Amino acid sequence: MKKKKIPMRRCVGCREMKEKRELLRIVKSSEGEISVDPTGKKNGRGAYICKNMECFAQARKAKSLSREFSCEIPEEVYDEINRQLEVYVK
């Protein structure tokens, strides 16, 4: 029986390839709205970040998400990512 291929994605913080389910997805919709996508199913351009605060801090400092989506990231989005990550860290 053929093993199912595991989707891999790159973290915008540490730039490492990891399994998609290990990462938190941030999505930019066609309307340009940026939000956290815990399900990984929303439509739009996705960027991924490790579920740890170090990667998030690194990505925020380097403005990796702004570069990934070619736009400024609102403070509320960073707050929401922070809230989501606190859930995983506990």
PDB file of N, CA and C in Angstrom:
ATOM      1  N   MET A   1       0.836  -1.194   0.000  1.00  0.00           N
ATOM      2  CA  MET A   1       0.000   0.000   0.000  1.00  0.00           C
ATOM      3  C   MET A   1       0.879   1.255   0.000  1.00  0.00           C
ATOM      4  N   LYS A   2       0.506   2.215  -0.835  1.00  0.00           N
ATOM      5  CA  LYS A   2       1.299   3.431  -0.984  1.00  0.00           C
ATOM      6  C   LYS A   2       1.079   4.355   0.212  1.00  0.00           C
ATOM      7  N   LYS A   3       2.200   4.866   0.760  1.00  0.00           N
ATOM      8  CA  LYS A   3       2.089   5.797   1.884  1.00  0.00           C
ATOM      9  C   LYS A   3       1.610   7.148   1.377  1.00  0.00           C
ATOM     10  N   LYS A   4       0.741   7.792   2.164  1.00  0.00           N
ATOM     11  CA  LYS A   4       0.215   9.101   1.791  1.00  0.00           C
ATOM     12  C   LYS A   4       1.329  10.145   1.919  1.00  0.00           C
ATOM     13  N   LYS A   5       1.433  11.003   0.909  1.00  0.00           N
ATOM     14  CA  LYS A   5       2.453  12.042   0.921  1.00  0.00           C
ATOM     15  C   LYS A   5       2.076  13.108   1.949  1.00  0.00           C
ATOM     16  N   ILE A   6       3.043  13.504   2.767  1.00  0.00           N
ATOM     17  CA  ILE A   6       2.791  14.512   3.791  1.00  0.00           C
ATOM     18  C   ILE A   6       3.135  15.882   3.214  1.00  0.00           C
ATOM     19  N   PRO A   7       2.140  16.805   3.189  1.00  0.00           N
ATOM     20  CA  PRO A   7       2.442  18.129   2.642  1.00  0.00           C
ATOM     21  C   PRO A   7       3.430  18.891   3.527  1.00  0.00           C
ATOM     22  N   MET A   8       4.439  19.473   2.892  1.00  0.00           N
ATOM     23  CA  MET A   8       5.462  20.232   3.610  1.00  0.00           C
ATOM     24  C   MET A   8       5.324  21.716   3.275  1.00  0.00           C
ATOM     25  N   ARG A   9       5.567  22.554   4.269  1.00  0.00           N
ATOM     26  CA  ARG A   9       5.505  24.003   4.075  1.00  0.00           C
ATOM     27  C   ARG A   9       6.688  24.648   4.780  1.00  0.00           C
ATOM     28  N   ARG A  10       7.082  25.837   4.320  1.00  0.00           N
ATOM     29  CA  ARG A  10       8.209  26.548   4.934  1.00  0.00           C
ATOM     30  C   ARG A  10       7.689  27.581   5.929  1.00  0.00           C
ATOM     31  N   CYS A  11       8.297  27.570   7.119  1.00  0.00           N
ATOM     32  CA  CYS A  11       7.976  28.553   8.153  1.00  0.00           C
ATOM     33  C   CYS A  11       8.605  29.895   7.758  1.00  0.00           C
ATOM     34  N   VAL A  12       7.827  30.991   7.864  1.00  0.00           N
ATOM     35  CA  VAL A  12       8.363  32.314   7.506  1.00  0.00           C
ATOM     36  C   VAL A  12       9.327  32.838   8.569  1.00  0.00           C
ATOM     37  N   GLY A  13       9.317  32.228   9.755  1.00  0.00           N
ATOM     38  CA  GLY A  13      10.226  32.647  10.819  1.00  0.00           C
ATOM     39  C   GLY A  13      11.601  32.023  10.693  1.00  0.00           C
ATOM     40  N   CYS A  14      11.668  30.688  10.824  1.00  0.00           N
ATOM     41  CA  CYS A  14      12.958  29.989  10.804  1.00  0.00           C
ATOM     42  C   CYS A  14      13.352  29.520   9.410  1.00  0.00           C
ATOM     43  N   ARG A  15      12.438  29.631   8.425  1.00  0.00           N
ATOM     44  CA  ARG A  15      12.676  29.232   7.028  1.00  0.00           C
ATOM     45  C   ARG A  15      12.898  27.728   6.866  1.00  0.00           C
ATOM     46  N   GLU A  16      12.484  26.936   7.845  1.00  0.00           N
ATOM     47  CA  GLU A  16      12.646  25.480   7.752  1.00  0.00           C
ATOM     48  C   GLU A  16      11.398  24.839   7.179  1.00  0.00           C
ATOM     49  N   MET A  17      11.599  23.765   6.425  1.00  0.00           N
ATOM     50  CA  MET A  17      10.470  23.003   5.897  1.00  0.00           C
ATOM     51  C   MET A  17       9.955  22.071   7.000  1.00  0.00           C
ATOM     52  N   LYS A  18       8.644  22.114   7.223  1.00  0.00           N
ATOM     53  CA  LYS A  18       8.031  21.254   8.235  1.00  0.00           C
ATOM     54  C   LYS A  18       6.710  20.715   7.700  1.00  0.00           C
ATOM     55  N   GLU A  19       6.162  19.732   8.411  1.00  0.00           N
ATOM     56  CA  GLU A  19       4.860  19.206   8.015  1.00  0.00           C
ATOM     57  C   GLU A  19       3.803  20.287   8.195  1.00  0.00           C
ATOM     58  N   LYS A  20       2.899  20.358   7.223  1.00  0.00           N
ATOM     59  CA  LYS A  20       1.868  21.399   7.223  1.00  0.00           C
ATOM     60  C   LYS A  20       1.085  21.438   8.540  1.00  0.00           C
ATOM     61  N   ARG A  21       0.766  20.270   9.086  1.00  0.00           N
ATOM     62  CA  ARG A  21      -0.066  20.249  10.298  1.00  0.00           C
ATOM     63  C   ARG A  21       0.671  20.741  11.546  1.00  0.00           C
ATOM     64  N   GLU A  22       2.000  20.839  11.466  1.00  0.00           N
ATOM     65  CA  GLU A  22       2.788  21.357  12.593  1.00  0.00           C
ATOM     66  C   GLU A  22       2.827  22.886  12.603  1.00  0.00           C
ATOM     67  N   LEU A  23       2.327  23.501  11.532  1.00  0.00           N
ATOM     68  CA  LEU A  23       2.443  24.947  11.373  1.00  0.00           C
ATOM     69  C   LEU A  23       1.094  25.642  11.488  1.00  0.00           C
ATOM     70  N   LEU A  24       1.142  26.924  11.810  1.00  0.00           N
ATOM     71  CA  LEU A  24      -0.056  27.764  11.867  1.00  0.00           C
ATOM     72  C   LEU A  24      -0.135  28.531  10.561  1.00  0.00           C
ATOM     73  N   ARG A  25      -1.308  28.538   9.927  1.00  0.00           N
ATOM     74  CA  ARG A  25      -1.465  29.194   8.627  1.00  0.00           C
ATOM     75  C   ARG A  25      -2.040  30.590   8.803  1.00  0.00           C
ATOM     76  N   ILE A  26      -1.427  31.541   8.107  1.00  0.00           N
ATOM     77  CA  ILE A  26      -1.955  32.900   8.039  1.00  0.00           C
ATOM     78  C   ILE A  26      -2.336  33.085   6.575  1.00  0.00           C
ATOM     79  N   VAL A  27      -3.515  33.635   6.327  1.00  0.00           N
ATOM     80  CA  VAL A  27      -4.028  33.690   4.961  1.00  0.00           C
ATOM     81  C   VAL A  27      -4.395  35.115   4.561  1.00  0.00           C
ATOM     82  N   LYS A  28      -4.122  35.444   3.299  1.00  0.00           N
ATOM     83  CA  LYS A  28      -4.547  36.722   2.732  1.00  0.00           C
ATOM     84  C   LYS A  28      -5.622  36.407   1.700  1.00  0.00           C
ATOM     85  N   SER A  29      -6.836  36.914   1.946  1.00  0.00           N
ATOM     86  CA  SER A  29      -7.952  36.637   1.046  1.00  0.00           C
ATOM     87  C   SER A  29      -7.836  37.483  -0.220  1.00  0.00           C
ATOM     88  N   SER A  30      -8.699  37.199  -1.195  1.00  0.00           N
ATOM     89  CA  SER A  30      -8.667  37.956  -2.448  1.00  0.00           C
ATOM     90  C   SER A  30      -9.042  39.427  -2.224  1.00  0.00           C
ATOM     91  N   GLU A  31      -9.740  39.709  -1.115  1.00  0.00           N
ATOM     92  CA  GLU A  31     -10.086  41.101  -0.774  1.00  0.00           C
ATOM     93  C   GLU A  31      -8.925  41.807  -0.083  1.00  0.00           C
ATOM     94  N   GLY A  32      -7.845  41.072   0.185  1.00  0.00           N
ATOM     95  CA  GLY A  32      -6.683  41.667   0.833  1.00  0.00           C
ATOM     96  C   GLY A  32      -6.732  41.606   2.347  1.00  0.00           C
ATOM     97  N   GLU A  33      -7.722  40.887   2.886  1.00  0.00           N
ATOM     98  CA  GLU A  33      -7.854  40.762   4.343  1.00  0.00           C
ATOM     99  C   GLU A  33      -6.933  39.652   4.843  1.00  0.00           C
ATOM    100  N   ILE A  34      -6.189  39.956   5.896  1.00  0.00           N
ATOM    101  CA  ILE A  34      -5.252  38.974   6.446  1.00  0.00           C
ATOM    102  C   ILE A  34      -5.809  38.442   7.758  1.00  0.00           C
ATOM    103  N   SER A  35      -5.818  37.114   7.893  1.00  0.00           N
ATOM    104  CA  SER A  35      -6.358  36.513   9.116  1.00  0.00           C
ATOM    105  C   SER A  35      -5.622  35.207   9.422  1.00  0.00           C
ATOM    106  N   VAL A  36      -5.813  34.745  10.654  1.00  0.00           N
ATOM    107  CA  VAL A  36      -5.239  33.466  11.073  1.00  0.00           C
ATOM    108  C   VAL A  36      -6.218  32.379  10.654  1.00  0.00           C
ATOM    109  N   ASP A  37      -5.695  31.293  10.121  1.00  0.00           N
ATOM    110  CA  ASP A  37      -6.530  30.203   9.617  1.00  0.00           C
ATOM    111  C   ASP A  37      -6.168  28.901  10.338  1.00  0.00           C
ATOM    112  N   PRO A  38      -6.737  28.693  11.532  1.00  0.00           N
ATOM    113  CA  PRO A  38      -6.387  27.481  12.291  1.00  0.00           C
ATOM    114  C   PRO A  38      -6.770  26.188  11.575  1.00  0.00           C
ATOM    115  N   THR A  39      -7.813  26.224  10.719  1.00  0.00           N
ATOM    116  CA  THR A  39      -8.262  25.017  10.021  1.00  0.00           C
ATOM    117  C   THR A  39      -7.370  24.690   8.823  1.00  0.00           C
ATOM    118  N   GLY A  40      -6.725  25.728   8.259  1.00  0.00           N
ATOM    119  CA  GLY A  40      -5.892  25.516   7.074  1.00  0.00           C
ATOM    120  C   GLY A  40      -6.709  25.336   5.813  1.00  0.00           C
ATOM    121  N   LYS A  41      -7.999  25.730   5.841  1.00  0.00           N
ATOM    122  CA  LYS A  41      -8.895  25.478   4.714  1.00  0.00           C
ATOM    123  C   LYS A  41      -9.409  26.746   4.019  1.00  0.00           C
ATOM    124  N   LYS A  42      -9.122  27.919   4.579  1.00  0.00           N
ATOM    125  CA  LYS A  42      -9.638  29.158   3.979  1.00  0.00           C
ATOM    126  C   LYS A  42      -9.030  29.399   2.609  1.00  0.00           C
ATOM    127  N   ASN A  43      -9.791  30.080   1.748  1.00  0.00           N
ATOM    128  CA  ASN A  43      -9.287  30.438   0.426  1.00  0.00           C
ATOM    129  C   ASN A  43      -8.332  31.610   0.533  1.00  0.00           C
ATOM    130  N   GLY A  44      -7.325  31.609  -0.302  1.00  0.00           N
ATOM    131  CA  GLY A  44      -6.400  32.730  -0.337  1.00  0.00           C
ATOM    132  C   GLY A  44      -4.956  32.280  -0.281  1.00  0.00           C
ATOM    133  N   ARG A  45      -4.068  33.254  -0.299  1.00  0.00           N
ATOM    134  CA  ARG A  45      -2.618  33.026  -0.266  1.00  0.00           C
ATOM    135  C   ARG A  45      -2.218  32.722   1.162  1.00  0.00           C
ATOM    136  N   GLY A  46      -1.566  31.595   1.374  1.00  0.00           N
ATOM    137  CA  GLY A  46      -1.198  31.193   2.725  1.00  0.00           C
ATOM    138  C   GLY A  46       0.277  31.365   3.015  1.00  0.00           C
ATOM    139  N   ALA A  47       0.564  31.687   4.261  1.00  0.00           N
ATOM    140  CA  ALA A  47       1.939  31.681   4.766  1.00  0.00           C
ATOM    141  C   ALA A  47       1.893  30.893   6.065  1.00  0.00           C
ATOM    142  N   TYR A  48       2.985  30.242   6.387  1.00  0.00           N
ATOM    143  CA  TYR A  48       2.990  29.346   7.546  1.00  0.00           C
ATOM    144  C   TYR A  48       4.042  29.767   8.550  1.00  0.00           C
ATOM    145  N   ILE A  49       3.722  29.513   9.828  1.00  0.00           N
ATOM    146  CA  ILE A  49       4.665  29.836  10.891  1.00  0.00           C
ATOM    147  C   ILE A  49       4.644  28.711  11.924  1.00  0.00           C
ATOM    148  N   CYS A  50       5.807  28.382  12.471  1.00  0.00           N
ATOM    149  CA  CYS A  50       5.896  27.340  13.498  1.00  0.00           C
ATOM    150  C   CYS A  50       5.038  27.724  14.691  1.00  0.00           C
ATOM    151  N   LYS A  51       4.569  26.711  15.393  1.00  0.00           N
ATOM    152  CA  LYS A  51       3.730  26.969  16.571  1.00  0.00           C
ATOM    153  C   LYS A  51       4.590  27.215  17.800  1.00  0.00           C
ATOM    154  N   ASN A  52       5.544  28.157  17.671  1.00  0.00           N
ATOM    155  CA  ASN A  52       6.325  28.556  18.841  1.00  0.00           C
ATOM    156  C   ASN A  52       6.628  30.048  18.776  1.00  0.00           C
ATOM    157  N   MET A  53       6.822  30.637  19.937  1.00  0.00           N
ATOM    158  CA  MET A  53       6.979  32.081  20.047  1.00  0.00           C
ATOM    159  C   MET A  53       8.287  32.578  19.423  1.00  0.00           C
ATOM    160  N   GLU A  54       9.337  31.754  19.437  1.00  0.00           N
ATOM    161  CA  GLU A  54      10.622  32.190  18.884  1.00  0.00           C
ATOM    162  C   GLU A  54      10.484  32.477  17.389  1.00  0.00           C
ATOM    163  N   CYS A  55       9.851  31.559  16.661  1.00  0.00           N
ATOM    164  CA  CYS A  55       9.668  31.749  15.218  1.00  0.00           C
ATOM    165  C   CYS A  55       8.788  32.959  14.937  1.00  0.00           C
ATOM    166  N   PHE A  56       7.745  33.111  15.740  1.00  0.00           N
ATOM    167  CA  PHE A  56       6.843  34.246  15.570  1.00  0.00           C
ATOM    168  C   PHE A  56       7.593  35.559  15.787  1.00  0.00           C
ATOM    169  N   ALA A  57       8.393  35.618  16.853  1.00  0.00           N
ATOM    170  CA  ALA A  57       9.163  36.832  17.156  1.00  0.00           C
ATOM    171  C   ALA A  57      10.139  37.134  16.021  1.00  0.00           C
ATOM    172  N   GLN A  58      10.770  36.093  15.520  1.00  0.00           N
ATOM    173  CA  GLN A  58      11.730  36.238  14.419  1.00  0.00           C
ATOM    174  C   GLN A  58      11.033  36.745  13.148  1.00  0.00           C
ATOM    175  N   ALA A  59       9.884  36.156  12.835  1.00  0.00           N
ATOM    176  CA  ALA A  59       9.128  36.545  11.638  1.00  0.00           C
ATOM    177  C   ALA A  59       8.632  37.984  11.752  1.00  0.00           C
ATOM    178  N   ARG A  60       8.200  38.351  12.957  1.00  0.00           N
ATOM    179  CA  ARG A  60       7.688  39.706  13.176  1.00  0.00           C
ATOM    180  C   ARG A  60       8.804  40.738  13.041  1.00  0.00           C
ATOM    181  N   LYS A  61       9.948  40.433  13.644  1.00  0.00           N
ATOM    182  CA  LYS A  61      11.092  41.343  13.608  1.00  0.00           C
ATOM    183  C   LYS A  61      11.593  41.541  12.178  1.00  0.00           C
ATOM    184  N   ALA A  62      11.633  40.455  11.414  1.00  0.00           N
ATOM    185  CA  ALA A  62      12.136  40.507  10.042  1.00  0.00           C
ATOM    186  C   ALA A  62      11.056  40.948   9.045  1.00  0.00           C
ATOM    187  N   LYS A  63       9.834  41.182   9.547  1.00  0.00           N
ATOM    188  CA  LYS A  63       8.687  41.542   8.697  1.00  0.00           C
ATOM    189  C   LYS A  63       8.469  40.519   7.569  1.00  0.00           C
ATOM    190  N   SER A  64       8.652  39.243   7.923  1.00  0.00           N
ATOM    191  CA  SER A  64       8.520  38.158   6.945  1.00  0.00           C
ATOM    192  C   SER A  64       7.119  38.069   6.357  1.00  0.00           C
ATOM    193  N   LEU A  65       6.096  38.271   7.192  1.00  0.00           N
ATOM    194  CA  LEU A  65       4.716  38.185   6.690  1.00  0.00           C
ATOM    195  C   LEU A  65       4.423  39.330   5.728  1.00  0.00           C
ATOM    196  N   SER A  66       4.901  40.537   6.050  1.00  0.00           N
ATOM    197  CA  SER A  66       4.712  41.687   5.154  1.00  0.00           C
ATOM    198  C   SER A  66       5.325  41.384   3.792  1.00  0.00           C
ATOM    199  N   ARG A  67       6.516  40.787   3.800  1.00  0.00           N
ATOM    200  CA  ARG A  67       7.204  40.447   2.558  1.00  0.00           C
ATOM    201  C   ARG A  67       6.448  39.349   1.815  1.00  0.00           C
ATOM    202  N   GLU A  68       5.984  38.358   2.561  1.00  0.00           N
ATOM    203  CA  GLU A  68       5.277  37.220   1.966  1.00  0.00           C
ATOM    204  C   GLU A  68       3.991  37.663   1.249  1.00  0.00           C
ATOM    205  N   PHE A  69       3.271  38.597   1.867  1.00  0.00           N
ATOM    206  CA  PHE A  69       1.985  39.049   1.307  1.00  0.00           C
ATOM    207  C   PHE A  69       2.089  40.371   0.549  1.00  0.00           C
ATOM    208  N   SER A  70       3.284  40.960   0.477  1.00  0.00           N
ATOM    209  CA  SER A  70       3.514  42.243  -0.201  1.00  0.00           C
ATOM    210  C   SER A  70       2.597  43.357   0.298  1.00  0.00           C
ATOM    211  N   CYS A  71       2.397  43.409   1.613  1.00  0.00           N
ATOM    212  CA  CYS A  71       1.599  44.484   2.197  1.00  0.00           C
ATOM    213  C   CYS A  71       1.905  44.606   3.690  1.00  0.00           C
ATOM    214  N   GLU A  72       1.471  45.705   4.285  1.00  0.00           N
ATOM    215  CA  GLU A  72       1.658  45.906   5.726  1.00  0.00           C
ATOM    216  C   GLU A  72       0.726  44.970   6.482  1.00  0.00           C
ATOM    217  N   ILE A  73       1.205  44.415   7.573  1.00  0.00           N
ATOM    218  CA  ILE A  73       0.383  43.520   8.394  1.00  0.00           C
ATOM    219  C   ILE A  73      -0.164  44.320   9.569  1.00  0.00           C
ATOM    220  N   PRO A  74      -1.523  44.373   9.708  1.00  0.00           N
ATOM    221  CA  PRO A  74      -2.112  45.119  10.832  1.00  0.00           C
ATOM    222  C   PRO A  74      -1.720  44.527  12.184  1.00  0.00           C
ATOM    223  N   GLU A  75      -1.612  45.378  13.177  1.00  0.00           N
ATOM    224  CA  GLU A  75      -1.232  44.964  14.535  1.00  0.00           C
ATOM    225  C   GLU A  75      -2.190  43.897  15.074  1.00  0.00           C
ATOM    226  N   GLU A  76      -3.484  44.009  14.725  1.00  0.00           N
ATOM    227  CA  GLU A  76      -4.495  43.043  15.215  1.00  0.00           C
ATOM    228  C   GLU A  76      -4.168  41.629  14.745  1.00  0.00           C
ATOM    229  N   VAL A  77      -3.616  41.516  13.542  1.00  0.00           N
ATOM    230  CA  VAL A  77      -3.263  40.194  13.016  1.00  0.00           C
ATOM    231  C   VAL A  77      -2.150  39.581  13.863  1.00  0.00           C
ATOM    232  N   TYR A  78      -1.137  40.389  14.191  1.00  0.00           N
ATOM    233  CA  TYR A  78      -0.056  39.900  15.049  1.00  0.00           C
ATOM    234  C   TYR A  78      -0.602  39.501  16.422  1.00  0.00           C
ATOM    235  N   ASP A  79      -1.547  40.293  16.946  1.00  0.00           N
ATOM    236  CA  ASP A  79      -2.160  39.965  18.242  1.00  0.00           C
ATOM    237  C   ASP A  79      -2.892  38.631  18.166  1.00  0.00           C
ATOM    238  N   GLU A  80      -3.615  38.416  17.060  1.00  0.00           N
ATOM    239  CA  GLU A  80      -4.365  37.169  16.890  1.00  0.00           C
ATOM    240  C   GLU A  80      -3.420  35.974  16.753  1.00  0.00           C
ATOM    241  N   ILE A  81      -2.333  36.144  16.017  1.00  0.00           N
ATOM    242  CA  ILE A  81      -1.334  35.070  15.888  1.00  0.00           C
ATOM    243  C   ILE A  81      -0.780  34.744  17.267  1.00  0.00           C
ATOM    244  N   ASN A  82      -0.478  35.790  18.019  1.00  0.00           N
ATOM    245  CA  ASN A  82       0.042  35.634  19.374  1.00  0.00           C
ATOM    246  C   ASN A  82      -0.932  34.832  20.242  1.00  0.00           C
ATOM    247  N   ARG A  83      -2.222  35.171  20.164  1.00  0.00           N
ATOM    248  CA  ARG A  83      -3.265  34.451  20.931  1.00  0.00           C
ATOM    249  C   ARG A  83      -3.321  32.985  20.516  1.00  0.00           C
ATOM    250  N   GLN A  84      -3.298  32.738  19.206  1.00  0.00           N
ATOM    251  CA  GLN A  84      -3.353  31.363  18.695  1.00  0.00           C
ATOM    252  C   GLN A  84      -2.146  30.559  19.183  1.00  0.00           C
ATOM    253  N   LEU A  85      -0.969  31.170  19.135  1.00  0.00           N
ATOM    254  CA  LEU A  85       0.245  30.463  19.546  1.00  0.00           C
ATOM    255  C   LEU A  85       0.248  30.169  21.039  1.00  0.00           C
ATOM    256  N   GLU A  86      -0.320  31.058  21.843  1.00  0.00           N
ATOM    257  CA  GLU A  86      -0.392  30.817  23.299  1.00  0.00           C
ATOM    258  C   GLU A  86      -1.208  29.560  23.589  1.00  0.00           C
ATOM    259  N   VAL A  87      -2.212  29.302  22.770  1.00  0.00           N
ATOM    260  CA  VAL A  87      -3.037  28.092  22.937  1.00  0.00           C
ATOM    261  C   VAL A  87      -2.179  26.843  22.708  1.00  0.00           C
ATOM    262  N   TYR A  88      -1.314  26.868  21.675  1.00  0.00           N
ATOM    263  CA  TYR A  88      -0.482  25.704  21.344  1.00  0.00           C
ATOM    264  C   TYR A  88       0.647  25.514  22.342  1.00  0.00           C
ATOM    265  N   VAL A  89       1.179  26.624  22.840  1.00  0.00           N
ATOM    266  CA  VAL A  89       2.345  26.556  23.737  1.00  0.00           C
ATOM    267  C   VAL A  89       1.963  25.950  25.087  1.00  0.00           C
ATOM    268  N   LYS A  90       0.752  26.209  25.538  1.00  0.00           N
ATOM    269  CA  LYS A  90       0.323  25.693  26.853  1.00  0.00           C
ATOM    270  C   LYS A  90       0.185  24.193  26.858  1.00  0.00           C
TER     271      LYS A  90
END
